[in-house]
Amino acid sequence: MNQKKKRRHRKKYIKIAVLLLIAVLAITALTVFGLFRVSELVISGNEHYTATEVQQAIMQDGLCQNTLYLLWKFQDKERTEEALPFLSGIEVRMVSPFKVEVQVYEKPEVAYIQAQGTYIYFDREGVVMQTSEQIYEDIPEVSGITVDEVTLYERLKVTDEEKFDDVVTLASALNRENLIPDEIRYSTRDELIVIFGNLNVIMGDGTDLEGKVTALKSILPNIEEEKGIIYMEDYSEDSQTVTYRENAVLETEPATNADGEVVETEETTGTETGTEAASGTTESSQGPTYQESDGTFATDSEGNEYYMDKNGNITYNIDQYNYTDENGEIITDGYGYIDPYTGAYII
């Protein structure tokens, strides 16, 4: 009898324990899914995307209506990238069971291309972030690239991938250095040109674009309000020479249609610019004749010394003095002379 009573008591206790557990789970579920329910989502840090767009992207997962689930989901970087591909990340903070604050970190859009009747904005990887009918400030336009296909949150498909790679590299470097041009142009001569108002910077091909942009950051503050051309196509780590021609303008390029094909137009004239290399040089036995009054010696933000002569030519190669005659005078041919610092032919 005692054994039977013990078994009955044991079953009774087990039944009570199970009922208590069910009751606790039910109360917990009601608390979690009833009390912790998002009724207010506060978005901050967004510039190009509206709070409504961000909120809709977050809440497209219906479970995110639960505060605790929302906090858990967006603590993981991979889940965040999958749900919000147009953002580099978010920070989520619970203010109360009903209110959540979301700090947004947008991916920088480094440039845009006008194509297919819209403006296509892309990031530092060349991935399309948005298509819009609006032009945003502080984002440069890219021209000279033919777009083939546009898919949101995928890399922009273009006719010439190599050219687009160069554009993305250049636009990203400019963005990191907080240099904001009006336009980045891939010319019909396969030259990259960066335009700041009336100032044109010829970058040449895609060689050492990041190094060129770093040098440009040091040079630009001195002449950014000027009109002219900065020649950087020959700039390299070994030969840090930059030439500036004041009031020079780019030669008019052939007109192109929407597909990037050259079309015939009435002939126009432009001011031809460029630097001419000398065929011969004469070494000076008496050393340099330039004095500080002929130009300006200065140091950039990274401590590198450079020289700008009175004609606006800039060089980091301030130890080169190869174009003076035996009397230490600058050689001239009657029309112009070769700058002893830059090697540029100055008219």
Protein backbone atom coordinates (compact mmCIF):
# COMPACT_ATOMS: atom_id res chain seq x y z
CA MET A 1 0.00 0.00 0.00
CA ASN A 2 2.77 2.39 0.88
CA GLN A 3 4.39 1.85 -2.50
CA LYS A 4 1.14 2.59 -4.31
CA LYS A 5 0.63 5.77 -2.29
CA LYS A 6 4.16 6.87 -3.05
CA ARG A 7 3.60 6.30 -6.76
CA ARG A 8 0.35 8.28 -6.67
CA HIS A 9 2.01 11.12 -4.78
CA ARG A 10 4.91 11.09 -7.23
CA LYS A 11 2.57 11.31 -10.22
CA LYS A 12 0.67 14.08 -8.50
CA TYR A 13 3.84 16.08 -7.89
CA ILE A 14 4.99 15.52 -11.47
CA LYS A 15 1.64 16.69 -12.80
CA ILE A 16 1.77 19.80 -10.61
CA ALA A 17 5.35 20.52 -11.74
CA VAL A 18 4.38 20.18 -15.39
CA LEU A 19 1.40 22.50 -14.92
CA LEU A 20 3.62 25.04 -13.17
CA LEU A 21 6.18 24.82 -15.97
CA ILE A 22 3.46 25.33 -18.59
CA ALA A 23 2.13 28.28 -16.64
CA VAL A 24 5.62 29.84 -16.38
CA LEU A 25 6.26 29.34 -20.10
CA ALA A 26 2.87 30.83 -20.94
CA ILE A 27 3.49 33.85 -18.76
CA THR A 28 6.99 34.25 -20.24
CA ALA A 29 5.63 34.00 -23.77
CA LEU A 30 2.92 36.54 -23.04
CA THR A 31 5.53 38.84 -21.51
CA VAL A 32 8.03 38.44 -24.36
CA PHE A 33 5.58 38.62 -27.24
CA GLY A 34 3.08 40.90 -25.58
CA LEU A 35 5.10 43.32 -23.51
CA PHE A 36 8.27 43.42 -25.70
CA ARG A 37 6.58 44.66 -28.85
CA VAL A 38 7.99 47.49 -30.95
CA SER A 39 5.60 50.39 -31.26
CA GLU A 40 8.20 53.11 -31.89
CA LEU A 41 11.36 52.80 -33.99
CA VAL A 42 13.62 55.88 -33.94
CA ILE A 43 16.08 56.06 -36.89
CA SER A 44 19.16 58.33 -36.84
CA GLY A 45 22.35 58.74 -38.89
CA ASN A 46 20.60 58.37 -42.26
CA GLU A 47 21.29 60.89 -45.03
CA HIS A 48 20.41 59.44 -48.43
CA TYR A 49 17.77 56.98 -47.21
CA THR A 50 14.63 58.12 -45.43
CA ALA A 51 13.71 56.83 -41.98
CA THR A 52 10.68 55.16 -43.56
CA GLU A 53 12.86 53.25 -46.06
CA VAL A 54 15.16 52.01 -43.29
CA GLN A 55 12.23 51.07 -41.05
CA GLN A 56 10.51 49.14 -43.84
CA ALA A 57 13.73 47.22 -44.57
CA ILE A 58 14.10 46.29 -40.89
CA MET A 59 10.46 45.35 -40.38
CA GLN A 60 10.10 43.24 -43.52
CA ASP A 61 11.00 40.37 -41.17
CA GLY A 62 7.75 40.14 -39.21
CA LEU A 63 9.52 38.75 -36.15
CA CYS A 64 11.32 42.08 -35.78
CA GLN A 65 8.11 43.43 -34.30
CA ASN A 66 9.39 41.76 -31.15
CA THR A 67 11.90 43.99 -29.39
CA LEU A 68 14.14 41.21 -28.11
CA TYR A 69 14.26 39.43 -31.47
CA LEU A 70 15.12 42.69 -33.24
CA LEU A 71 18.01 43.28 -30.81
CA TRP A 72 19.26 39.72 -31.28
CA LYS A 73 19.05 39.75 -35.08
CA PHE A 74 21.01 42.92 -35.71
CA GLN A 75 23.83 42.08 -33.35
CA ASP A 76 25.12 39.74 -36.08
CA LYS A 77 26.99 41.40 -38.97
CA GLU A 78 26.09 38.76 -41.57
CA ARG A 79 22.38 38.94 -40.77
CA THR A 80 22.57 42.72 -40.93
CA GLU A 81 24.28 42.71 -44.36
CA GLU A 82 21.71 40.26 -45.70
CA ALA A 83 18.73 42.26 -44.46
CA LEU A 84 20.16 45.75 -45.11
CA PRO A 85 22.60 45.53 -48.05
CA PHE A 86 22.54 49.32 -48.56
CA LEU A 87 24.01 49.93 -45.09
CA SER A 88 27.46 49.16 -43.70
CA GLY A 89 25.91 48.46 -40.29
CA ILE A 90 23.48 49.54 -37.58
CA GLU A 91 23.48 49.80 -33.81
CA VAL A 92 20.23 48.89 -32.01
CA ARG A 93 19.39 50.05 -28.49
CA MET A 94 16.26 49.26 -26.46
CA VAL A 95 14.93 52.34 -24.70
CA SER A 96 11.88 50.50 -23.36
CA PRO A 97 10.03 47.28 -24.25
CA PHE A 98 8.07 49.38 -26.77
CA LYS A 99 10.75 51.78 -28.08
CA VAL A 100 13.95 51.02 -30.00
CA GLU A 101 16.62 53.42 -31.27
CA VAL A 102 18.55 52.51 -34.44
CA GLN A 103 21.81 54.25 -35.39
CA VAL A 104 22.38 53.86 -39.14
CA TYR A 105 25.77 53.74 -40.89
CA GLU A 106 25.31 54.21 -44.60
CA LYS A 107 27.76 52.91 -47.19
CA PRO A 108 29.49 55.89 -48.81
CA GLU A 109 28.27 56.49 -52.35
CA VAL A 110 31.42 57.64 -54.13
CA ALA A 111 29.98 58.66 -57.51
CA TYR A 112 27.04 58.39 -59.87
CA ILE A 113 26.50 57.73 -63.56
CA GLN A 114 23.62 59.13 -65.56
CA ALA A 115 22.15 56.32 -67.66
CA GLN A 116 18.84 54.75 -68.58
CA GLY A 117 17.01 57.94 -67.66
CA THR A 118 18.15 57.95 -64.05
CA TYR A 119 21.11 58.63 -61.76
CA ILE A 120 22.90 55.45 -60.67
CA TYR A 121 24.84 55.75 -57.39
CA PHE A 122 27.55 53.23 -56.52
CA ASP A 123 29.82 52.57 -53.53
CA ARG A 124 33.55 51.88 -53.12
CA GLU A 125 33.11 48.42 -54.60
CA GLY A 126 31.20 49.60 -57.65
CA VAL A 127 27.98 48.15 -56.22
CA VAL A 128 24.75 49.98 -57.10
CA MET A 129 23.35 51.52 -53.92
CA GLN A 130 20.37 53.27 -55.43
CA THR A 131 18.86 54.67 -58.58
CA SER A 132 17.29 58.07 -58.23
CA GLU A 133 15.89 61.02 -60.14
CA GLN A 134 17.67 63.29 -57.66
CA ILE A 135 21.25 64.60 -57.74
CA TYR A 136 22.82 64.64 -54.28
CA GLU A 137 25.39 67.21 -53.26
CA ASP A 138 29.02 66.23 -52.69
CA ILE A 139 28.85 63.18 -54.97
CA PRO A 140 30.68 63.54 -58.31
CA GLU A 141 29.33 62.52 -61.69
CA VAL A 142 31.16 59.97 -63.84
CA SER A 143 31.17 60.30 -67.63
CA GLY A 144 32.78 58.28 -70.39
CA ILE A 145 31.54 54.89 -69.08
CA THR A 146 28.84 52.94 -70.96
CA VAL A 147 26.36 51.13 -68.69
CA ASP A 148 25.01 47.75 -69.80
CA GLU A 149 22.87 46.57 -66.87
CA VAL A 150 21.76 47.95 -63.51
CA THR A 151 20.75 45.67 -60.63
CA LEU A 152 20.24 47.10 -57.16
CA TYR A 153 22.88 45.95 -54.62
CA GLU A 154 24.97 44.27 -57.31
CA ARG A 155 28.09 45.55 -59.08
CA LEU A 156 27.27 47.81 -61.99
CA LYS A 157 27.69 46.03 -65.32
CA VAL A 158 29.49 48.16 -67.91
CA THR A 159 30.96 47.66 -71.36
CA ASP A 160 34.59 48.16 -70.28
CA GLU A 161 35.23 46.60 -66.85
CA GLU A 162 38.85 47.73 -66.73
CA LYS A 163 37.90 51.37 -67.17
CA PHE A 164 35.21 51.05 -64.54
CA ASP A 165 37.72 49.49 -62.12
CA ASP A 166 39.93 52.56 -62.58
CA VAL A 167 36.98 54.90 -62.02
CA VAL A 168 35.94 53.06 -58.84
CA THR A 169 39.52 53.15 -57.52
CA LEU A 170 39.84 56.87 -58.27
CA ALA A 171 36.41 57.79 -56.89
CA SER A 172 37.06 55.78 -53.71
CA ALA A 173 40.47 57.41 -53.16
CA LEU A 174 38.98 60.89 -53.63
CA ASN A 175 36.18 60.03 -51.20
CA ARG A 176 38.62 58.82 -48.53
CA GLU A 177 40.64 62.04 -48.85
CA ASN A 178 37.45 64.16 -48.70
CA LEU A 179 38.15 65.60 -52.15
CA ILE A 180 34.87 66.31 -53.93
CA PRO A 181 35.20 67.04 -57.66
CA ASP A 182 32.37 68.05 -59.96
CA GLU A 183 33.11 65.27 -62.41
CA ILE A 184 35.31 62.24 -63.02
CA ARG A 185 35.71 61.78 -66.76
CA TYR A 186 37.14 58.91 -68.77
CA SER A 187 38.08 60.75 -71.96
CA THR A 188 38.00 59.40 -75.50
CA ARG A 189 41.81 59.44 -75.28
CA ASP A 190 41.61 56.90 -72.43
CA GLU A 191 42.70 59.46 -69.87
CA LEU A 192 41.15 59.87 -66.45
CA ILE A 193 40.34 63.53 -65.79
CA VAL A 194 39.09 64.97 -62.51
CA ILE A 195 37.31 68.32 -62.72
CA PHE A 196 37.10 70.83 -59.86
CA GLY A 197 35.24 73.88 -61.19
CA ASN A 198 37.62 75.52 -63.69
CA LEU A 199 40.51 73.29 -62.62
CA ASN A 200 41.16 70.09 -64.58
CA VAL A 201 43.43 67.35 -63.26
CA ILE A 202 44.74 64.88 -65.84
CA MET A 203 45.44 61.60 -64.05
CA GLY A 204 46.43 59.65 -67.15
CA ASP A 205 45.79 55.91 -66.99
CA GLY A 206 44.99 53.84 -63.91
CA THR A 207 48.59 53.71 -62.66
CA ASP A 208 49.10 54.60 -58.95
CA LEU A 209 45.80 56.46 -58.67
CA GLU A 210 45.83 56.41 -54.87
CA GLY A 211 49.33 57.93 -54.80
CA LYS A 212 48.25 60.62 -57.25
CA VAL A 213 45.21 61.47 -55.13
CA THR A 214 47.38 61.72 -52.00
CA ALA A 215 49.69 64.17 -53.80
CA LEU A 216 46.71 66.08 -55.18
CA LYS A 217 45.35 66.60 -51.66
CA SER A 218 48.55 68.44 -50.73
CA ILE A 219 48.62 70.54 -53.90
CA LEU A 220 44.97 71.44 -54.40
CA PRO A 221 44.51 73.94 -51.52
CA ASN A 222 47.08 76.24 -53.14
CA ILE A 223 45.30 76.52 -56.50
CA GLU A 224 41.75 75.20 -56.08
CA GLU A 225 40.22 78.59 -56.93
CA GLU A 226 42.34 78.94 -60.08
CA LYS A 227 41.64 78.08 -63.70
CA GLY A 228 44.04 75.73 -65.44
CA ILE A 229 45.27 72.16 -65.81
CA ILE A 230 47.25 70.00 -63.41
CA TYR A 231 49.21 67.29 -65.24
CA MET A 232 49.69 64.17 -63.11
CA GLU A 233 49.89 61.47 -65.76
CA ASP A 234 53.64 61.03 -65.22
CA TYR A 235 53.47 61.15 -61.43
CA SER A 236 54.84 58.09 -59.62
CA GLU A 237 56.44 57.23 -56.30
CA ASP A 238 59.85 57.48 -57.92
CA SER A 239 59.20 60.58 -60.03
CA GLN A 240 56.99 62.85 -57.96
CA THR A 241 56.58 65.54 -60.59
CA VAL A 242 53.39 67.52 -61.14
CA THR A 243 52.98 70.36 -63.65
CA TYR A 244 50.37 73.10 -63.46
CA ARG A 245 49.45 75.36 -66.40
CA GLU A 246 47.47 78.40 -65.36
CA ASN A 247 44.51 79.41 -67.58
CA ALA A 248 45.01 76.36 -69.80
CA VAL A 249 41.86 74.56 -70.93
CA LEU A 250 41.26 71.02 -72.14
CA GLU A 251 41.14 70.42 -75.85
CA THR A 252 37.59 69.83 -77.00
CA GLU A 253 36.82 66.12 -77.24
CA PRO A 254 34.71 64.47 -79.94
CA ALA A 255 31.02 64.33 -79.01
CA THR A 256 29.58 60.91 -78.09
CA ASN A 257 26.09 59.46 -78.05
CA ALA A 258 24.39 57.57 -75.21
CA ASP A 259 26.28 54.40 -76.16
CA GLY A 260 29.66 56.10 -75.98
CA GLU A 261 30.13 56.15 -79.76
CA VAL A 262 31.77 59.15 -81.40
CA VAL A 263 29.37 61.18 -83.52
CA GLU A 264 30.19 63.74 -86.16
CA THR A 265 29.69 67.37 -85.19
CA GLU A 266 30.72 70.72 -86.53
CA GLU A 267 34.40 71.24 -85.96
CA THR A 268 35.22 73.17 -82.83
CA THR A 269 38.48 74.58 -81.67
CA GLY A 270 40.02 74.44 -78.26
CA THR A 271 43.23 75.41 -76.56
CA GLU A 272 45.65 72.55 -76.94
CA THR A 273 47.54 71.85 -73.74
CA GLY A 274 50.21 69.52 -72.61
CA THR A 275 53.86 69.34 -71.67
CA GLU A 276 56.64 68.75 -74.16
CA ALA A 277 59.74 66.82 -73.21
CA ALA A 278 63.11 68.21 -74.33
CA SER A 279 65.31 66.10 -76.56
CA GLY A 280 68.50 67.02 -74.77
CA THR A 281 69.74 68.31 -71.43
CA THR A 282 72.84 70.07 -70.20
CA GLU A 283 74.20 69.46 -66.72
CA SER A 284 75.33 72.46 -64.73
CA SER A 285 78.66 72.41 -62.94
CA GLN A 286 77.70 75.41 -60.82
CA GLY A 287 74.53 73.94 -59.32
CA PRO A 288 71.02 75.42 -59.27
CA THR A 289 70.30 79.08 -59.90
CA TYR A 290 66.73 79.14 -58.58
CA GLN A 291 66.16 81.27 -55.52
CA GLU A 292 63.10 81.27 -53.28
CA SER A 293 61.97 84.50 -54.95
CA ASP A 294 61.44 82.54 -58.17
CA GLY A 295 58.80 80.36 -56.56
CA THR A 296 57.66 78.82 -53.30
CA PHE A 297 59.17 76.03 -51.25
CA ALA A 298 56.59 74.44 -48.95
CA THR A 299 55.80 71.29 -46.97
CA ASP A 300 52.59 69.34 -47.36
CA SER A 301 50.47 67.84 -44.57
CA GLU A 302 52.59 64.69 -44.52
CA GLY A 303 55.88 66.56 -44.16
CA ASN A 304 57.01 66.18 -47.79
CA GLU A 305 58.76 69.23 -49.22
CA TYR A 306 57.68 70.47 -52.64
CA TYR A 307 58.38 73.47 -54.89
CA MET A 308 56.01 75.64 -56.95
CA ASP A 309 57.71 77.98 -59.39
CA LYS A 310 56.37 81.38 -60.47
CA ASN A 311 54.57 79.74 -63.41
CA GLY A 312 52.66 77.39 -61.14
CA ASN A 313 54.63 74.22 -61.85
CA ILE A 314 54.75 71.92 -58.84
CA THR A 315 57.26 69.18 -58.09
CA TYR A 316 58.39 67.01 -55.22
CA ASN A 317 61.69 66.34 -57.04
CA ILE A 318 63.38 69.45 -55.65
CA ASP A 319 66.88 67.98 -55.98
CA GLN A 320 66.87 67.89 -59.80
CA TYR A 321 68.85 70.68 -61.48
CA ASN A 322 69.66 69.41 -64.97
CA TYR A 323 68.60 72.17 -67.37
CA THR A 324 71.03 75.04 -66.85
CA ASP A 325 73.97 76.02 -69.00
CA GLU A 326 77.61 76.36 -67.97
CA ASN A 327 76.91 79.81 -66.54
CA GLY A 328 74.06 78.51 -64.40
CA GLU A 329 71.42 80.17 -66.58
CA ILE A 330 68.20 78.42 -67.59
CA ILE A 331 68.37 77.25 -71.20
CA THR A 332 65.79 78.82 -73.53
CA ASP A 333 65.16 78.34 -77.24
CA GLY A 334 63.69 81.81 -77.72
CA TYR A 335 60.13 80.60 -77.28
CA GLY A 336 60.22 78.89 -73.91
CA TYR A 337 62.43 77.04 -71.46
CA ILE A 338 62.66 73.76 -69.63
CA ASP A 339 61.84 74.04 -65.95
CA PRO A 340 64.89 72.73 -64.01
CA TYR A 341 62.60 71.29 -61.35
CA THR A 342 59.81 69.64 -63.33
CA GLY A 343 61.32 69.07 -66.79
CA ALA A 344 58.22 70.71 -68.27
CA TYR A 345 58.55 72.90 -71.34
CA ILE A 346 57.25 76.31 -70.31
CA ILE A 347 56.19 78.84 -72.96
